[in-house]
Amino acid sequence: MASITIRNLDEDLKRRLRIRAAEQGHSMEEEARDILRQAMSRPAPAPNLGEAIHRRFAALGGVELEPPEREAMPAPPRLD
């Protein structure tokens, strides 16, 4: 089984983890595993194509496009 080390953990976060673990009757390590399990079991949100495109071009200052000129719609075919 793999192990992980978390460095630079905020003292307040560590204290809250210790309290939460004690309330559940777990060690801090077991509580951290439970939190990770729960977080990773949720499905990832569906990507939003529009937001992804916006983020990509936002760093470049955005893109301004002129709307295309509209033409009148052609008359529908006559079926008589």
N, C-alpha and C. Protein backbone atom coordinates (compact mmCIF):
# COMPACT_ATOMS: atom_id res chain seq x y z
N MET A 1 0.84 -1.17 0.00
CA MET A 1 0.00 0.00 0.00
C MET A 1 0.89 1.24 0.00
N ALA A 2 0.46 2.27 -0.69
CA ALA A 2 1.25 3.51 -0.82
C ALA A 2 1.12 4.37 0.42
N SER A 3 2.10 5.23 0.61
CA SER A 3 2.03 6.19 1.70
C SER A 3 2.26 7.58 1.13
N ILE A 4 1.85 8.57 1.91
CA ILE A 4 1.96 9.95 1.46
C ILE A 4 2.37 10.81 2.66
N THR A 5 3.20 11.80 2.41
CA THR A 5 3.60 12.75 3.43
C THR A 5 3.09 14.12 3.02
N ILE A 6 2.44 14.81 3.94
CA ILE A 6 1.92 16.14 3.64
C ILE A 6 2.73 17.15 4.44
N ARG A 7 3.48 17.96 3.74
CA ARG A 7 4.32 18.96 4.39
C ARG A 7 3.59 20.30 4.45
N ASN A 8 4.07 21.17 5.32
CA ASN A 8 3.56 22.54 5.44
C ASN A 8 2.06 22.59 5.70
N LEU A 9 1.57 21.68 6.52
CA LEU A 9 0.16 21.66 6.88
C LEU A 9 -0.09 22.76 7.91
N ASP A 10 -1.07 23.59 7.65
CA ASP A 10 -1.42 24.67 8.54
C ASP A 10 -1.76 24.11 9.93
N GLU A 11 -1.27 24.76 10.98
CA GLU A 11 -1.49 24.27 12.35
C GLU A 11 -2.97 24.21 12.70
N ASP A 12 -3.74 25.20 12.26
CA ASP A 12 -5.17 25.18 12.55
C ASP A 12 -5.86 24.01 11.86
N LEU A 13 -5.47 23.73 10.62
CA LEU A 13 -6.04 22.59 9.90
C LEU A 13 -5.68 21.28 10.59
N LYS A 14 -4.45 21.17 11.04
CA LYS A 14 -4.01 19.97 11.75
C LYS A 14 -4.80 19.79 13.04
N ARG A 15 -5.03 20.87 13.77
CA ARG A 15 -5.80 20.81 15.01
C ARG A 15 -7.23 20.36 14.72
N ARG A 16 -7.84 20.93 13.66
CA ARG A 16 -9.22 20.55 13.32
C ARG A 16 -9.29 19.09 12.88
N LEU A 17 -8.29 18.61 12.18
CA LEU A 17 -8.24 17.20 11.77
C LEU A 17 -8.13 16.31 13.00
N ARG A 18 -7.29 16.70 13.95
CA ARG A 18 -7.12 15.92 15.18
C ARG A 18 -8.44 15.85 15.95
N ILE A 19 -9.16 16.97 16.05
CA ILE A 19 -10.44 17.00 16.77
C ILE A 19 -11.48 16.15 16.04
N ARG A 20 -11.55 16.29 14.73
CA ARG A 20 -12.51 15.50 13.94
C ARG A 20 -12.23 14.01 14.08
N ALA A 21 -10.96 13.64 14.05
CA ALA A 21 -10.58 12.23 14.20
C ALA A 21 -10.99 11.72 15.57
N ALA A 22 -10.76 12.52 16.61
CA ALA A 22 -11.12 12.11 17.96
C ALA A 22 -12.63 11.93 18.09
N GLU A 23 -13.39 12.82 17.47
CA GLU A 23 -14.85 12.71 17.52
C GLU A 23 -15.34 11.43 16.85
N GLN A 24 -14.64 11.00 15.82
CA GLN A 24 -15.02 9.77 15.10
C GLN A 24 -14.40 8.52 15.71
N GLY A 25 -13.49 8.71 16.67
CA GLY A 25 -12.80 7.57 17.26
C GLY A 25 -11.72 7.01 16.35
N HIS A 26 -11.19 7.84 15.47
CA HIS A 26 -10.15 7.42 14.52
C HIS A 26 -8.83 8.10 14.86
N SER A 27 -7.77 7.57 14.28
CA SER A 27 -6.50 8.27 14.31
C SER A 27 -6.57 9.37 13.26
N MET A 28 -5.65 10.33 13.36
CA MET A 28 -5.61 11.38 12.35
C MET A 28 -5.37 10.80 10.96
N GLU A 29 -4.53 9.79 10.90
CA GLU A 29 -4.21 9.16 9.62
C GLU A 29 -5.45 8.51 9.01
N GLU A 30 -6.23 7.79 9.84
CA GLU A 30 -7.44 7.14 9.33
C GLU A 30 -8.47 8.18 8.91
N GLU A 31 -8.58 9.25 9.67
CA GLU A 31 -9.52 10.31 9.31
C GLU A 31 -9.13 10.96 7.98
N ALA A 32 -7.85 11.20 7.78
CA ALA A 32 -7.38 11.77 6.52
C ALA A 32 -7.68 10.82 5.36
N ARG A 33 -7.51 9.51 5.57
CA ARG A 33 -7.85 8.53 4.53
C ARG A 33 -9.33 8.58 4.21
N ASP A 34 -10.17 8.67 5.24
CA ASP A 34 -11.62 8.75 5.01
C ASP A 34 -12.00 9.99 4.22
N ILE A 35 -11.40 11.12 4.58
CA ILE A 35 -11.69 12.37 3.87
C ILE A 35 -11.27 12.25 2.41
N LEU A 36 -10.09 11.70 2.15
CA LEU A 36 -9.63 11.53 0.77
C LEU A 36 -10.53 10.57 0.01
N ARG A 37 -10.92 9.46 0.65
CA ARG A 37 -11.81 8.49 0.01
C ARG A 37 -13.11 9.15 -0.41
N GLN A 38 -13.71 9.92 0.51
CA GLN A 38 -14.98 10.59 0.21
C GLN A 38 -14.82 11.60 -0.92
N ALA A 39 -13.76 12.39 -0.86
CA ALA A 39 -13.55 13.42 -1.88
C ALA A 39 -13.32 12.79 -3.25
N MET A 40 -12.59 11.70 -3.32
CA MET A 40 -12.27 11.10 -4.60
C MET A 40 -13.39 10.21 -5.13
N SER A 41 -14.37 9.87 -4.30
CA SER A 41 -15.46 9.02 -4.78
C SER A 41 -16.55 9.84 -5.46
N ARG A 42 -16.54 11.15 -5.29
CA ARG A 42 -17.53 12.00 -5.96
C ARG A 42 -17.16 12.11 -7.44
N PRO A 43 -18.16 12.08 -8.31
CA PRO A 43 -17.83 12.22 -9.73
C PRO A 43 -17.33 13.64 -10.02
N ALA A 44 -16.40 13.72 -10.92
CA ALA A 44 -15.86 15.03 -11.31
C ALA A 44 -16.94 15.79 -12.07
N PRO A 45 -17.03 17.10 -11.87
CA PRO A 45 -18.03 17.86 -12.61
C PRO A 45 -17.74 17.82 -14.11
N ALA A 46 -18.80 17.82 -14.88
CA ALA A 46 -18.64 17.80 -16.34
C ALA A 46 -17.93 19.07 -16.78
N PRO A 47 -16.97 18.94 -17.68
CA PRO A 47 -16.26 20.14 -18.14
C PRO A 47 -17.21 21.04 -18.93
N ASN A 48 -17.06 22.33 -18.76
CA ASN A 48 -17.87 23.30 -19.47
C ASN A 48 -17.00 23.89 -20.58
N LEU A 49 -17.32 23.57 -21.80
CA LEU A 49 -16.51 23.98 -22.94
C LEU A 49 -16.40 25.50 -23.04
N GLY A 50 -17.49 26.20 -22.82
CA GLY A 50 -17.47 27.65 -22.91
C GLY A 50 -16.53 28.27 -21.89
N GLU A 51 -16.58 27.78 -20.64
CA GLU A 51 -15.68 28.30 -19.61
C GLU A 51 -14.22 27.95 -19.91
N ALA A 52 -13.98 26.77 -20.44
CA ALA A 52 -12.61 26.37 -20.77
C ALA A 52 -12.03 27.28 -21.86
N ILE A 53 -12.83 27.60 -22.86
CA ILE A 53 -12.37 28.49 -23.93
C ILE A 53 -12.12 29.89 -23.37
N HIS A 54 -13.02 30.35 -22.51
CA HIS A 54 -12.85 31.68 -21.90
C HIS A 54 -11.55 31.74 -21.09
N ARG A 55 -11.29 30.73 -20.27
CA ARG A 55 -10.05 30.70 -19.47
C ARG A 55 -8.82 30.71 -20.37
N ARG A 56 -8.88 29.96 -21.46
CA ARG A 56 -7.73 29.88 -22.36
C ARG A 56 -7.37 31.24 -22.94
N PHE A 57 -8.38 32.02 -23.35
CA PHE A 57 -8.12 33.30 -23.99
C PHE A 57 -8.07 34.46 -23.01
N ALA A 58 -8.52 34.29 -21.78
CA ALA A 58 -8.51 35.38 -20.80
C ALA A 58 -7.09 35.84 -20.52
N ALA A 59 -6.14 34.92 -20.49
CA ALA A 59 -4.74 35.29 -20.23
C ALA A 59 -4.17 36.15 -21.35
N LEU A 60 -4.76 36.08 -22.53
CA LEU A 60 -4.29 36.86 -23.68
C LEU A 60 -5.05 38.18 -23.82
N GLY A 61 -5.91 38.44 -22.85
CA GLY A 61 -6.69 39.67 -22.91
C GLY A 61 -8.04 39.48 -23.57
N GLY A 62 -8.40 38.26 -23.83
CA GLY A 62 -9.69 37.98 -24.44
C GLY A 62 -9.65 38.13 -25.94
N VAL A 63 -10.75 37.87 -26.56
CA VAL A 63 -10.87 37.98 -28.01
C VAL A 63 -12.19 38.66 -28.31
N GLU A 64 -12.14 39.69 -29.12
CA GLU A 64 -13.35 40.38 -29.54
C GLU A 64 -13.61 40.01 -31.00
N LEU A 65 -14.72 39.39 -31.26
CA LEU A 65 -15.07 39.00 -32.62
C LEU A 65 -16.26 39.83 -33.10
N GLU A 66 -16.19 40.24 -34.34
CA GLU A 66 -17.31 40.95 -34.94
C GLU A 66 -18.36 39.92 -35.34
N PRO A 67 -19.62 40.20 -35.03
CA PRO A 67 -20.65 39.26 -35.45
C PRO A 67 -20.77 39.26 -36.97
N PRO A 68 -21.00 38.10 -37.55
CA PRO A 68 -21.11 38.04 -39.02
C PRO A 68 -22.35 38.79 -39.50
N GLU A 69 -22.25 39.33 -40.70
CA GLU A 69 -23.41 40.01 -41.27
C GLU A 69 -24.47 38.98 -41.60
N ARG A 70 -25.69 39.37 -41.33
CA ARG A 70 -26.81 38.47 -41.60
C ARG A 70 -27.40 38.77 -42.98
N GLU A 71 -27.80 37.73 -43.63
CA GLU A 71 -28.48 37.88 -44.91
C GLU A 71 -29.92 37.44 -44.72
N ALA A 72 -30.77 37.94 -45.59
CA ALA A 72 -32.16 37.51 -45.52
C ALA A 72 -32.24 36.02 -45.83
N MET A 73 -33.13 35.35 -45.16
CA MET A 73 -33.30 33.92 -45.42
C MET A 73 -33.91 33.73 -46.80
N PRO A 74 -33.48 32.69 -47.50
CA PRO A 74 -34.08 32.45 -48.83
C PRO A 74 -35.54 32.02 -48.66
N ALA A 75 -36.29 32.31 -49.68
CA ALA A 75 -37.70 31.91 -49.65
C ALA A 75 -37.79 30.40 -49.66
N PRO A 76 -38.71 29.83 -48.91
CA PRO A 76 -38.84 28.37 -48.90
C PRO A 76 -39.33 27.88 -50.26
N PRO A 77 -38.98 26.66 -50.61
CA PRO A 77 -39.42 26.15 -51.92
C PRO A 77 -40.95 25.98 -51.96
N ARG A 78 -41.49 26.21 -53.12
CA ARG A 78 -42.93 26.03 -53.29
C ARG A 78 -43.18 24.59 -53.69
N LEU A 79 -44.13 23.98 -53.07
CA LEU A 79 -44.42 22.57 -53.35
C LEU A 79 -45.78 22.39 -54.04
N ASP A 80 -46.22 23.36 -54.85
CA ASP A 80 -47.51 23.21 -55.52
C ASP A 80 -47.38 22.93 -56.99
